[in-house]
Amino acid sequence: MKILFADDTRGLLELLENRADLKEHNIDGVFDGTKALELIKSDNYDLVFVDYNMPGVDGADLIKYAKANNLRAKMVMITGDPDMDYFSAKTLGVDEYLAKPIKIEMVENIINKYTLKDG
């Protein structure tokens, strides 16, 4: 599975990249929304984790772009912003929602869920 992880917090991406049970997946990580937008335009991703608050393009705009252009990736909103609750995120069209602070197991569960659906 090809996964994009866009979050301005570097620690979680480093954890993901070092997990032996996730080595079978191709995980790209970026720390700003502008770079994430460049990458999702390729439509090569199966799953995209996107932080709501990022430098450059924010997570809401990334999700709107993906949905408006019918990209195939499942979109996961990650946020610690109290103004972006589950229902607001679902209105944007996200497939999954994670409220910060998140644990690596929460991310793994979502990856496994979509790996099983596609596999």
PDB file of N, CA and C in Angstrom:
ATOM      1  N   MET A   1       0.852  -1.171   0.000  1.00  0.00           N
ATOM      2  CA  MET A   1       0.000   0.000   0.000  1.00  0.00           C
ATOM      3  C   MET A   1       0.897   1.233   0.000  1.00  0.00           C
ATOM      4  N   LYS A   2       0.539   2.219  -0.806  1.00  0.00           N
ATOM      5  CA  LYS A   2       1.294   3.474  -0.875  1.00  0.00           C
ATOM      6  C   LYS A   2       0.578   4.505   0.000  1.00  0.00           C
ATOM      7  N   ILE A   3       1.322   5.050   0.960  1.00  0.00           N
ATOM      8  CA  ILE A   3       0.746   5.925   1.983  1.00  0.00           C
ATOM      9  C   ILE A   3       1.504   7.245   2.022  1.00  0.00           C
ATOM     10  N   LEU A   4       0.745   8.336   2.117  1.00  0.00           N
ATOM     11  CA  LEU A   4       1.337   9.655   2.347  1.00  0.00           C
ATOM     12  C   LEU A   4       0.956  10.096   3.749  1.00  0.00           C
ATOM     13  N   PHE A   5       1.945  10.554   4.489  1.00  0.00           N
ATOM     14  CA  PHE A   5       1.714  11.049   5.840  1.00  0.00           C
ATOM     15  C   PHE A   5       2.173  12.498   5.878  1.00  0.00           C
ATOM     16  N   ALA A   6       1.221  13.424   5.966  1.00  0.00           N
ATOM     17  CA  ALA A   6       1.525  14.859   5.958  1.00  0.00           C
ATOM     18  C   ALA A   6       1.186  15.450   7.322  1.00  0.00           C
ATOM     19  N   ASP A   7       2.233  15.763   8.072  1.00  0.00           N
ATOM     20  CA  ASP A   7       2.053  16.307   9.417  1.00  0.00           C
ATOM     21  C   ASP A   7       3.307  17.103   9.763  1.00  0.00           C
ATOM     22  N   ASP A   8       3.125  18.279  10.339  1.00  0.00           N
ATOM     23  CA  ASP A   8       4.290  19.094  10.683  1.00  0.00           C
ATOM     24  C   ASP A   8       4.975  18.633  11.974  1.00  0.00           C
ATOM     25  N   THR A   9       4.466  17.576  12.584  1.00  0.00           N
ATOM     26  CA  THR A   9       5.105  16.965  13.746  1.00  0.00           C
ATOM     27  C   THR A   9       5.944  15.785  13.265  1.00  0.00           C
ATOM     28  N   ARG A  10       7.237  15.894  13.382  1.00  0.00           N
ATOM     29  CA  ARG A  10       8.137  14.888  12.807  1.00  0.00           C
ATOM     30  C   ARG A  10       8.177  13.570  13.580  1.00  0.00           C
ATOM     31  N   GLY A  11       7.890  13.600  14.847  1.00  0.00           N
ATOM     32  CA  GLY A  11       8.040  12.410  15.677  1.00  0.00           C
ATOM     33  C   GLY A  11       7.203  11.231  15.234  1.00  0.00           C
ATOM     34  N   LEU A  12       5.955  11.463  14.879  1.00  0.00           N
ATOM     35  CA  LEU A  12       5.075  10.363  14.497  1.00  0.00           C
ATOM     36  C   LEU A  12       5.542   9.717  13.196  1.00  0.00           C
ATOM     37  N   LEU A  13       5.956  10.518  12.250  1.00  0.00           N
ATOM     38  CA  LEU A  13       6.450   9.966  10.991  1.00  0.00           C
ATOM     39  C   LEU A  13       7.677   9.086  11.229  1.00  0.00           C
ATOM     40  N   GLU A  14       8.565   9.536  12.088  1.00  0.00           N
ATOM     41  CA  GLU A  14       9.757   8.737  12.404  1.00  0.00           C
ATOM     42  C   GLU A  14       9.369   7.403  13.039  1.00  0.00           C
ATOM     43  N   LEU A  15       8.362   7.427  13.903  1.00  0.00           N
ATOM     44  CA  LEU A  15       7.883   6.180  14.497  1.00  0.00           C
ATOM     45  C   LEU A  15       7.331   5.242  13.432  1.00  0.00           C
ATOM     46  N   LEU A  16       6.541   5.787  12.512  1.00  0.00           N
ATOM     47  CA  LEU A  16       5.959   4.972  11.445  1.00  0.00           C
ATOM     48  C   LEU A  16       7.040   4.340  10.581  1.00  0.00           C
ATOM     49  N   GLU A  17       8.028   5.121  10.230  1.00  0.00           N
ATOM     50  CA  GLU A  17       9.088   4.634   9.346  1.00  0.00           C
ATOM     51  C   GLU A  17       9.924   3.537   9.998  1.00  0.00           C
ATOM     52  N   ASN A  18       9.956   3.496  11.315  1.00  0.00           N
ATOM     53  CA  ASN A  18      10.781   2.521  12.023  1.00  0.00           C
ATOM     54  C   ASN A  18      10.019   1.293  12.510  1.00  0.00           C
ATOM     55  N   ARG A  19       8.734   1.223  12.243  1.00  0.00           N
ATOM     56  CA  ARG A  19       7.945   0.073  12.682  1.00  0.00           C
ATOM     57  C   ARG A  19       8.142  -1.094  11.720  1.00  0.00           C
ATOM     58  N   ALA A  20       8.633  -2.188  12.227  1.00  0.00           N
ATOM     59  CA  ALA A  20       8.903  -3.357  11.391  1.00  0.00           C
ATOM     60  C   ALA A  20       7.636  -3.876  10.712  1.00  0.00           C
ATOM     61  N   ASP A  21       6.506  -3.814  11.422  1.00  0.00           N
ATOM     62  CA  ASP A  21       5.269  -4.345  10.857  1.00  0.00           C
ATOM     63  C   ASP A  21       4.682  -3.456   9.764  1.00  0.00           C
ATOM     64  N   LEU A  22       5.242  -2.277   9.554  1.00  0.00           N
ATOM     65  CA  LEU A  22       4.770  -1.396   8.482  1.00  0.00           C
ATOM     66  C   LEU A  22       5.750  -1.332   7.316  1.00  0.00           C
ATOM     67  N   LYS A  23       6.835  -2.080   7.383  1.00  0.00           N
ATOM     68  CA  LYS A  23       7.874  -2.030   6.347  1.00  0.00           C
ATOM     69  C   LYS A  23       7.358  -2.472   4.976  1.00  0.00           C
ATOM     70  N   GLU A  24       6.298  -3.274   4.962  1.00  0.00           N
ATOM     71  CA  GLU A  24       5.756  -3.741   3.682  1.00  0.00           C
ATOM     72  C   GLU A  24       5.076  -2.610   2.902  1.00  0.00           C
ATOM     73  N   HIS A  25       4.777  -1.509   3.572  1.00  0.00           N
ATOM     74  CA  HIS A  25       4.109  -0.378   2.932  1.00  0.00           C
ATOM     75  C   HIS A  25       5.129   0.660   2.487  1.00  0.00           C
ATOM     76  N   ASN A  26       4.785   1.372   1.447  1.00  0.00           N
ATOM     77  CA  ASN A  26       5.623   2.467   0.959  1.00  0.00           C
ATOM     78  C   ASN A  26       5.073   3.753   1.569  1.00  0.00           C
ATOM     79  N   ILE A  27       5.764   4.295   2.569  1.00  0.00           N
ATOM     80  CA  ILE A  27       5.283   5.471   3.294  1.00  0.00           C
ATOM     81  C   ILE A  27       6.148   6.677   2.952  1.00  0.00           C
ATOM     82  N   ASP A  28       5.503   7.712   2.396  1.00  0.00           N
ATOM     83  CA  ASP A  28       6.162   8.992   2.153  1.00  0.00           C
ATOM     84  C   ASP A  28       5.716   9.961   3.236  1.00  0.00           C
ATOM     85  N   GLY A  29       6.629  10.775   3.707  1.00  0.00           N
ATOM     86  CA  GLY A  29       6.291  11.755   4.728  1.00  0.00           C
ATOM     87  C   GLY A  29       6.695  13.152   4.322  1.00  0.00           C
ATOM     88  N   VAL A  30       5.812  14.102   4.570  1.00  0.00           N
ATOM     89  CA  VAL A  30       6.108  15.512   4.328  1.00  0.00           C
ATOM     90  C   VAL A  30       5.655  16.306   5.543  1.00  0.00           C
ATOM     91  N   PHE A  31       6.243  17.493   5.679  1.00  0.00           N
ATOM     92  CA  PHE A  31       5.984  18.297   6.867  1.00  0.00           C
ATOM     93  C   PHE A  31       5.247  19.593   6.574  1.00  0.00           C
ATOM     94  N   ASP A  32       4.835  19.797   5.315  1.00  0.00           N
ATOM     95  CA  ASP A  32       4.031  20.979   5.001  1.00  0.00           C
ATOM     96  C   ASP A  32       3.002  20.630   3.927  1.00  0.00           C
ATOM     97  N   GLY A  33       1.922  21.397   3.926  1.00  0.00           N
ATOM     98  CA  GLY A  33       0.808  21.126   3.034  1.00  0.00           C
ATOM     99  C   GLY A  33       1.099  21.374   1.569  1.00  0.00           C
ATOM    100  N   THR A  34       1.990  22.301   1.272  1.00  0.00           N
ATOM    101  CA  THR A  34       2.325  22.593  -0.120  1.00  0.00           C
ATOM    102  C   THR A  34       2.972  21.375  -0.774  1.00  0.00           C
ATOM    103  N   LYS A  35       3.914  20.756  -0.088  1.00  0.00           N
ATOM    104  CA  LYS A  35       4.563  19.546  -0.610  1.00  0.00           C
ATOM    105  C   LYS A  35       3.565  18.399  -0.691  1.00  0.00           C
ATOM    106  N   ALA A  36       2.680  18.295   0.287  1.00  0.00           N
ATOM    107  CA  ALA A  36       1.659  17.248   0.269  1.00  0.00           C
ATOM    108  C   ALA A  36       0.757  17.402  -0.950  1.00  0.00           C
ATOM    109  N   LEU A  37       0.373  18.628  -1.268  1.00  0.00           N
ATOM    110  CA  LEU A  37      -0.475  18.866  -2.431  1.00  0.00           C
ATOM    111  C   LEU A  37       0.228  18.433  -3.711  1.00  0.00           C
ATOM    112  N   GLU A  38       1.500  18.756  -3.844  1.00  0.00           N
ATOM    113  CA  GLU A  38       2.268  18.322  -5.019  1.00  0.00           C
ATOM    114  C   GLU A  38       2.217  16.801  -5.165  1.00  0.00           C
ATOM    115  N   LEU A  39       2.380  16.100  -4.060  1.00  0.00           N
ATOM    116  CA  LEU A  39       2.420  14.642  -4.107  1.00  0.00           C
ATOM    117  C   LEU A  39       1.053  14.019  -4.373  1.00  0.00           C
ATOM    118  N   ILE A  40      -0.008  14.542  -3.755  1.00  0.00           N
ATOM    119  CA  ILE A  40      -1.314  13.900  -3.968  1.00  0.00           C
ATOM    120  C   ILE A  40      -1.853  14.152  -5.371  1.00  0.00           C
ATOM    121  N   LYS A  41      -1.373  15.168  -6.043  1.00  0.00           N
ATOM    122  CA  LYS A  41      -1.806  15.414  -7.423  1.00  0.00           C
ATOM    123  C   LYS A  41      -1.451  14.253  -8.346  1.00  0.00           C
ATOM    124  N   SER A  42      -0.451  13.472  -7.970  1.00  0.00           N
ATOM    125  CA  SER A  42      -0.052  12.316  -8.781  1.00  0.00           C
ATOM    126  C   SER A  42      -1.096  11.201  -8.738  1.00  0.00           C
ATOM    127  N   ASP A  43      -1.970  11.217  -7.743  1.00  0.00           N
ATOM    128  CA  ASP A  43      -2.995  10.193  -7.533  1.00  0.00           C
ATOM    129  C   ASP A  43      -2.392   8.791  -7.421  1.00  0.00           C
ATOM    130  N   ASN A  44      -1.219   8.705  -6.832  1.00  0.00           N
ATOM    131  CA  ASN A  44      -0.546   7.416  -6.663  1.00  0.00           C
ATOM    132  C   ASN A  44      -0.717   6.828  -5.271  1.00  0.00           C
ATOM    133  N   TYR A  45      -1.465   7.474  -4.415  1.00  0.00           N
ATOM    134  CA  TYR A  45      -1.567   7.025  -3.023  1.00  0.00           C
ATOM    135  C   TYR A  45      -2.869   6.272  -2.777  1.00  0.00           C
ATOM    136  N   ASP A  46      -2.772   5.273  -1.912  1.00  0.00           N
ATOM    137  CA  ASP A  46      -3.947   4.525  -1.485  1.00  0.00           C
ATOM    138  C   ASP A  46      -4.564   5.144  -0.236  1.00  0.00           C
ATOM    139  N   LEU A  47      -3.706   5.735   0.588  1.00  0.00           N
ATOM    140  CA  LEU A  47      -4.133   6.263   1.880  1.00  0.00           C
ATOM    141  C   LEU A  47      -3.319   7.518   2.185  1.00  0.00           C
ATOM    142  N   VAL A  48      -4.018   8.584   2.600  1.00  0.00           N
ATOM    143  CA  VAL A  48      -3.346   9.848   2.916  1.00  0.00           C
ATOM    144  C   VAL A  48      -3.774  10.295   4.310  1.00  0.00           C
ATOM    145  N   PHE A  49      -2.795  10.427   5.199  1.00  0.00           N
ATOM    146  CA  PHE A  49      -3.009  11.006   6.525  1.00  0.00           C
ATOM    147  C   PHE A  49      -2.609  12.468   6.427  1.00  0.00           C
ATOM    148  N   VAL A  50      -3.500  13.366   6.809  1.00  0.00           N
ATOM    149  CA  VAL A  50      -3.204  14.786   6.668  1.00  0.00           C
ATOM    150  C   VAL A  50      -3.576  15.541   7.941  1.00  0.00           C
ATOM    151  N   ASP A  51      -2.625  16.329   8.421  1.00  0.00           N
ATOM    152  CA  ASP A  51      -2.853  17.163   9.596  1.00  0.00           C
ATOM    153  C   ASP A  51      -3.699  18.368   9.180  1.00  0.00           C
ATOM    154  N   TYR A  52      -4.611  18.751  10.036  1.00  0.00           N
ATOM    155  CA  TYR A  52      -5.476  19.893   9.738  1.00  0.00           C
ATOM    156  C   TYR A  52      -4.686  21.195   9.682  1.00  0.00           C
ATOM    157  N   ASN A  53      -3.812  21.425  10.641  1.00  0.00           N
ATOM    158  CA  ASN A  53      -3.015  22.659  10.695  1.00  0.00           C
ATOM    159  C   ASN A  53      -1.582  22.374  10.264  1.00  0.00           C
ATOM    160  N   MET A  54      -1.247  22.838   9.065  1.00  0.00           N
ATOM    161  CA  MET A  54       0.117  22.680   8.543  1.00  0.00           C
ATOM    162  C   MET A  54       0.534  23.964   7.853  1.00  0.00           C
ATOM    163  N   PRO A  55       1.835  24.195   7.759  1.00  0.00           N
ATOM    164  CA  PRO A  55       2.309  25.346   6.979  1.00  0.00           C
ATOM    165  C   PRO A  55       1.955  25.161   5.499  1.00  0.00           C
ATOM    166  N   GLY A  56       1.749  26.267   4.822  1.00  0.00           N
ATOM    167  CA  GLY A  56       1.391  26.195   3.403  1.00  0.00           C
ATOM    168  C   GLY A  56      -0.085  25.902   3.251  1.00  0.00           C
ATOM    169  N   VAL A  57      -0.408  24.845   2.559  1.00  0.00           N
ATOM    170  CA  VAL A  57      -1.796  24.427   2.338  1.00  0.00           C
ATOM    171  C   VAL A  57      -2.257  23.634   3.558  1.00  0.00           C
ATOM    172  N   ASP A  58      -3.441  23.967   4.096  1.00  0.00           N
ATOM    173  CA  ASP A  58      -3.899  23.231   5.280  1.00  0.00           C
ATOM    174  C   ASP A  58      -4.603  21.931   4.891  1.00  0.00           C
ATOM    175  N   GLY A  59      -4.832  21.103   5.888  1.00  0.00           N
ATOM    176  CA  GLY A  59      -5.427  19.798   5.660  1.00  0.00           C
ATOM    177  C   GLY A  59      -6.803  19.847   5.032  1.00  0.00           C
ATOM    178  N   ALA A  60      -7.615  20.821   5.411  1.00  0.00           N
ATOM    179  CA  ALA A  60      -8.953  20.937   4.838  1.00  0.00           C
ATOM    180  C   ALA A  60      -8.876  21.169   3.333  1.00  0.00           C
ATOM    181  N   ASP A  61      -7.968  22.037   2.898  1.00  0.00           N
ATOM    182  CA  ASP A  61      -7.825  22.304   1.468  1.00  0.00           C
ATOM    183  C   ASP A  61      -7.286  21.093   0.712  1.00  0.00           C
ATOM    184  N   LEU A  62      -6.409  20.329   1.332  1.00  0.00           N
ATOM    185  CA  LEU A  62      -5.913  19.105   0.699  1.00  0.00           C
ATOM    186  C   LEU A  62      -7.046  18.107   0.479  1.00  0.00           C
ATOM    187  N   ILE A  63      -7.882  17.959   1.477  1.00  0.00           N
ATOM    188  CA  ILE A  63      -8.994  17.021   1.367  1.00  0.00           C
ATOM    189  C   ILE A  63      -9.999  17.505   0.328  1.00  0.00           C
ATOM    190  N   LYS A  64     -10.287  18.795   0.327  1.00  0.00           N
ATOM    191  CA  LYS A  64     -11.194  19.346  -0.683  1.00  0.00           C
ATOM    192  C   LYS A  64     -10.655  19.098  -2.087  1.00  0.00           C
ATOM    193  N   TYR A  65      -9.348  19.288  -2.273  1.00  0.00           N
ATOM    194  CA  TYR A  65      -8.735  19.043  -3.580  1.00  0.00           C
ATOM    195  C   TYR A  65      -8.897  17.572  -3.978  1.00  0.00           C
ATOM    196  N   ALA A  66      -8.591  16.685  -3.055  1.00  0.00           N
ATOM    197  CA  ALA A  66      -8.672  15.250  -3.342  1.00  0.00           C
ATOM    198  C   ALA A  66     -10.087  14.847  -3.731  1.00  0.00           C
ATOM    199  N   LYS A  67     -11.063  15.350  -3.011  1.00  0.00           N
ATOM    200  CA  LYS A  67     -12.453  14.993  -3.296  1.00  0.00           C
ATOM    201  C   LYS A  67     -12.944  15.632  -4.595  1.00  0.00           C
ATOM    202  N   ALA A  68     -12.589  16.895  -4.831  1.00  0.00           N
ATOM    203  CA  ALA A  68     -13.020  17.590  -6.050  1.00  0.00           C
ATOM    204  C   ALA A  68     -12.436  16.944  -7.307  1.00  0.00           C
ATOM    205  N   ASN A  69     -11.271  16.331  -7.163  1.00  0.00           N
ATOM    206  CA  ASN A  69     -10.602  15.714  -8.311  1.00  0.00           C
ATOM    207  C   ASN A  69     -10.727  14.194  -8.327  1.00  0.00           C
ATOM    208  N   ASN A  70     -11.621  13.676  -7.509  1.00  0.00           N
ATOM    209  CA  ASN A  70     -11.915  12.241  -7.468  1.00  0.00           C
ATOM    210  C   ASN A  70     -10.673  11.365  -7.329  1.00  0.00           C
ATOM    211  N   LEU A  71      -9.755  11.789  -6.477  1.00  0.00           N
ATOM    212  CA  LEU A  71      -8.571  10.974  -6.244  1.00  0.00           C
ATOM    213  C   LEU A  71      -8.975   9.704  -5.506  1.00  0.00           C
ATOM    214  N   ARG A  72      -8.282   8.631  -5.782  1.00  0.00           N
ATOM    215  CA  ARG A  72      -8.670   7.327  -5.233  1.00  0.00           C
ATOM    216  C   ARG A  72      -8.281   7.121  -3.777  1.00  0.00           C
ATOM    217  N   ALA A  73      -7.378   7.928  -3.263  1.00  0.00           N
ATOM    218  CA  ALA A  73      -6.870   7.744  -1.901  1.00  0.00           C
ATOM    219  C   ALA A  73      -7.961   7.930  -0.854  1.00  0.00           C
ATOM    220  N   LYS A  74      -7.910   7.094   0.154  1.00  0.00           N
ATOM    221  CA  LYS A  74      -8.732   7.299   1.341  1.00  0.00           C
ATOM    222  C   LYS A  74      -8.053   8.395   2.153  1.00  0.00           C
ATOM    223  N   MET A  75      -8.831   9.335   2.669  1.00  0.00           N
ATOM    224  CA  MET A  75      -8.286  10.499   3.363  1.00  0.00           C
ATOM    225  C   MET A  75      -8.551  10.399   4.867  1.00  0.00           C
ATOM    226  N   VAL A  76      -7.494  10.608   5.644  1.00  0.00           N
ATOM    227  CA  VAL A  76      -7.579  10.554   7.105  1.00  0.00           C
ATOM    228  C   VAL A  76      -7.162  11.912   7.661  1.00  0.00           C
ATOM    229  N   MET A  77      -8.061  12.573   8.368  1.00  0.00           N
ATOM    230  CA  MET A  77      -7.767  13.858   9.004  1.00  0.00           C
ATOM    231  C   MET A  77      -7.184  13.608  10.386  1.00  0.00           C
ATOM    232  N   ILE A  78      -6.059  14.273  10.663  1.00  0.00           N
ATOM    233  CA  ILE A  78      -5.432  14.247  11.982  1.00  0.00           C
ATOM    234  C   ILE A  78      -5.479  15.670  12.524  1.00  0.00           C
ATOM    235  N   THR A  79      -5.992  15.848  13.731  1.00  0.00           N
ATOM    236  CA  THR A  79      -6.053  17.210  14.257  1.00  0.00           C
ATOM    237  C   THR A  79      -6.071  17.260  15.774  1.00  0.00           C
ATOM    238  N   GLY A  80      -5.511  18.321  16.270  1.00  0.00           N
ATOM    239  CA  GLY A  80      -5.607  18.652  17.681  1.00  0.00           C
ATOM    240  C   GLY A  80      -6.399  19.933  17.859  1.00  0.00           C
ATOM    241  N   ASP A  81      -6.930  20.451  16.756  1.00  0.00           N
ATOM    242  CA  ASP A  81      -7.682  21.705  16.757  1.00  0.00           C
ATOM    243  C   ASP A  81      -9.103  21.455  17.254  1.00  0.00           C
ATOM    244  N   PRO A  82      -9.513  22.113  18.329  1.00  0.00           N
ATOM    245  CA  PRO A  82     -10.857  21.885  18.860  1.00  0.00           C
ATOM    246  C   PRO A  82     -11.971  22.344  17.920  1.00  0.00           C
ATOM    247  N   ASP A  83     -11.649  23.201  16.952  1.00  0.00           N
ATOM    248  CA  ASP A  83     -12.667  23.654  16.004  1.00  0.00           C
ATOM    249  C   ASP A  83     -12.923  22.639  14.889  1.00  0.00           C
ATOM    250  N   MET A  84     -12.034  21.671  14.719  1.00  0.00           N
ATOM    251  CA  MET A  84     -12.221  20.652  13.691  1.00  0.00           C
ATOM    252  C   MET A  84     -12.589  19.339  14.372  1.00  0.00           C
ATOM    253  N   ASP A  85     -13.867  19.186  14.651  1.00  0.00           N
ATOM    254  CA  ASP A  85     -14.318  17.967  15.304  1.00  0.00           C
ATOM    255  C   ASP A  85     -14.661  16.910  14.252  1.00  0.00           C
ATOM    256  N   TYR A  86     -15.095  15.761  14.709  1.00  0.00           N
ATOM    257  CA  TYR A  86     -15.411  14.639  13.830  1.00  0.00           C
ATOM    258  C   TYR A  86     -16.437  15.024  12.768  1.00  0.00           C
ATOM    259  N   PHE A  87     -17.498  15.710  13.165  1.00  0.00           N
ATOM    260  CA  PHE A  87     -18.566  16.028  12.220  1.00  0.00           C
ATOM    261  C   PHE A  87     -18.117  17.055  11.187  1.00  0.00           C
ATOM    262  N   SER A  88     -17.303  18.010  11.606  1.00  0.00           N
ATOM    263  CA  SER A  88     -16.752  18.983  10.651  1.00  0.00           C
ATOM    264  C   SER A  88     -15.838  18.287   9.650  1.00  0.00           C
ATOM    265  N   ALA A  89     -15.037  17.370  10.134  1.00  0.00           N
ATOM    266  CA  ALA A  89     -14.133  16.624   9.252  1.00  0.00           C
ATOM    267  C   ALA A  89     -14.925  15.764   8.269  1.00  0.00           C
ATOM    268  N   LYS A  90     -15.970  15.106   8.736  1.00  0.00           N
ATOM    269  CA  LYS A  90     -16.794  14.278   7.851  1.00  0.00           C
ATOM    270  C   LYS A  90     -17.468  15.125   6.778  1.00  0.00           C
ATOM    271  N   THR A  91     -17.830  16.358   7.120  1.00  0.00           N
ATOM    272  CA  THR A  91     -18.430  17.265   6.143  1.00  0.00           C
ATOM    273  C   THR A  91     -17.462  17.556   5.000  1.00  0.00           C
ATOM    274  N   LEU A  92     -16.177  17.595   5.311  1.00  0.00           N
ATOM    275  CA  LEU A  92     -15.159  17.801   4.275  1.00  0.00           C
ATOM    276  C   LEU A  92     -15.015  16.585   3.370  1.00  0.00           C
ATOM    277  N   GLY A  93     -15.447  15.434   3.851  1.00  0.00           N
ATOM    278  CA  GLY A  93     -15.349  14.222   3.046  1.00  0.00           C
ATOM    279  C   GLY A  93     -14.269  13.249   3.471  1.00  0.00           C
ATOM    280  N   VAL A  94     -13.768  13.377   4.699  1.00  0.00           N
ATOM    281  CA  VAL A  94     -12.732  12.445   5.149  1.00  0.00           C
ATOM    282  C   VAL A  94     -13.314  11.044   5.321  1.00  0.00           C
ATOM    283  N   ASP A  95     -12.455  10.069   5.169  1.00  0.00           N
ATOM    284  CA  ASP A  95     -12.856   8.684   5.382  1.00  0.00           C
ATOM    285  C   ASP A  95     -12.633   8.257   6.825  1.00  0.00           C
ATOM    286  N   GLU A  96     -11.632   8.869   7.464  1.00  0.00           N
ATOM    287  CA  GLU A  96     -11.309   8.566   8.860  1.00  0.00           C
ATOM    288  C   GLU A  96     -10.878   9.855   9.549  1.00  0.00           C
ATOM    289  N   TYR A  97     -10.959   9.842  10.877  1.00  0.00           N
ATOM    290  CA  TYR A  97     -10.627  11.027  11.678  1.00  0.00           C
ATOM    291  C   TYR A  97      -9.874  10.584  12.923  1.00  0.00           C
ATOM    292  N   LEU A  98      -8.747  11.229  13.203  1.00  0.00           N
ATOM    293  CA  LEU A  98      -7.979  10.962  14.419  1.00  0.00           C
ATOM    294  C   LEU A  98      -7.742  12.267  15.164  1.00  0.00           C
ATOM    295  N   ALA A  99      -8.142  12.305  16.433  1.00  0.00           N
ATOM    296  CA  ALA A  99      -7.902  13.481  17.265  1.00  0.00           C
ATOM    297  C   ALA A  99      -6.571  13.310  17.990  1.00  0.00           C
ATOM    298  N   LYS A 100      -5.761  14.367  17.982  1.00  0.00           N
ATOM    299  CA  LYS A 100      -4.482  14.350  18.700  1.00  0.00           C
ATOM    300  C   LYS A 100      -4.734  14.500  20.191  1.00  0.00           C
ATOM    301  N   PRO A 101      -3.920  13.943  21.028  1.00  0.00           N
ATOM    302  CA  PRO A 101      -2.717  13.185  20.677  1.00  0.00           C
ATOM    303  C   PRO A 101      -3.097  11.795  20.174  1.00  0.00           C
ATOM    304  N   ILE A 102      -2.389  11.329  19.161  1.00  0.00           N
ATOM    305  CA  ILE A 102      -2.672  10.006  18.622  1.00  0.00           C
ATOM    306  C   ILE A 102      -1.538   9.055  18.977  1.00  0.00           C
ATOM    307  N   LYS A 103      -1.887   7.794  19.010  1.00  0.00           N
ATOM    308  CA  LYS A 103      -0.912   6.739  19.283  1.00  0.00           C
ATOM    309  C   LYS A 103      -0.625   6.011  17.977  1.00  0.00           C
ATOM    310  N   ILE A 104       0.555   5.481  17.874  1.00  0.00           N
ATOM    311  CA  ILE A 104       0.969   4.772  16.671  1.00  0.00           C
ATOM    312  C   ILE A 104       0.005   3.628  16.342  1.00  0.00           C
ATOM    313  N   GLU A 105      -0.561   3.008  17.356  1.00  0.00           N
ATOM    314  CA  GLU A 105      -1.496   1.903  17.145  1.00  0.00           C
ATOM    315  C   GLU A 105      -2.754   2.371  16.419  1.00  0.00           C
ATOM    316  N   MET A 106      -3.173   3.612  16.653  1.00  0.00           N
ATOM    317  CA  MET A 106      -4.353   4.153  15.976  1.00  0.00           C
ATOM    318  C   MET A 106      -4.089   4.263  14.474  1.00  0.00           C
ATOM    319  N   VAL A 107      -2.907   4.715  14.132  1.00  0.00           N
ATOM    320  CA  VAL A 107      -2.519   4.824  12.725  1.00  0.00           C
ATOM    321  C   VAL A 107      -2.419   3.430  12.110  1.00  0.00           C
ATOM    322  N   GLU A 108      -1.789   2.516  12.821  1.00  0.00           N
ATOM    323  CA  GLU A 108      -1.664   1.141  12.326  1.00  0.00           C
ATOM    324  C   GLU A 108      -3.028   0.505  12.091  1.00  0.00           C
ATOM    325  N   ASN A 109      -3.978   0.748  12.979  1.00  0.00           N
ATOM    326  CA  ASN A 109      -5.319   0.181  12.820  1.00  0.00           C
ATOM    327  C   ASN A 109      -5.973   0.655  11.529  1.00  0.00           C
ATOM    328  N   ILE A 110      -5.813   1.923  11.215  1.00  0.00           N
ATOM    329  CA  ILE A 110      -6.395   2.441   9.974  1.00  0.00           C
ATOM    330  C   ILE A 110      -5.680   1.846   8.765  1.00  0.00           C
ATOM    331  N   ILE A 111      -4.366   1.775   8.811  1.00  0.00           N
ATOM    332  CA  ILE A 111      -3.620   1.162   7.704  1.00  0.00           C
ATOM    333  C   ILE A 111      -4.068  -0.286   7.510  1.00  0.00           C
ATOM    334  N   ASN A 112      -4.174  -1.027   8.588  1.00  0.00           N
ATOM    335  CA  ASN A 112      -4.604  -2.426   8.496  1.00  0.00           C
ATOM    336  C   ASN A 112      -6.025  -2.549   7.971  1.00  0.00           C
ATOM    337  N   LYS A 113      -6.897  -1.660   8.380  1.00  0.00           N
ATOM    338  CA  LYS A 113      -8.285  -1.683   7.915  1.00  0.00           C
ATOM    339  C   LYS A 113      -8.344  -1.576   6.395  1.00  0.00           C
ATOM    340  N   TYR A 114      -7.610  -0.645   5.820  1.00  0.00           N
ATOM    341  CA  TYR A 114      -7.666  -0.450   4.372  1.00  0.00           C
ATOM    342  C   TYR A 114      -6.802  -1.449   3.618  1.00  0.00           C
ATOM    343  N   THR A 115      -5.803  -2.015   4.265  1.00  0.00           N
ATOM    344  CA  THR A 115      -5.031  -3.087   3.638  1.00  0.00           C
ATOM    345  C   THR A 115      -5.920  -4.313   3.473  1.00  0.00           C
ATOM    346  N   LEU A 116      -6.696  -4.625   4.493  1.00  0.00           N
ATOM    347  CA  LEU A 116      -7.603  -5.771   4.427  1.00  0.00           C
ATOM    348  C   LEU A 116      -8.702  -5.559   3.402  1.00  0.00           C
ATOM    349  N   LYS A 117      -9.237  -4.341   3.299  1.00  0.00           N
ATOM    350  CA  LYS A 117     -10.292  -4.056   2.325  1.00  0.00           C
ATOM    351  C   LYS A 117      -9.787  -4.213   0.901  1.00  0.00           C
ATOM    352  N   ASP A 118      -8.535  -3.788   0.669  1.00  0.00           N
ATOM    353  CA  ASP A 118      -7.972  -3.835  -0.677  1.00  0.00           C
ATOM    354  C   ASP A 118      -7.361  -5.188  -1.003  1.00  0.00           C
ATOM    355  N   GLY A 119      -6.972  -5.926   0.033  1.00  0.00           N
ATOM    356  CA  GLY A 119      -6.267  -7.180  -0.172  1.00  0.00           C
ATOM    357  C   GLY A 119      -7.214  -8.309  -0.306  1.00  0.00           C
TER     358      GLY A 119
END
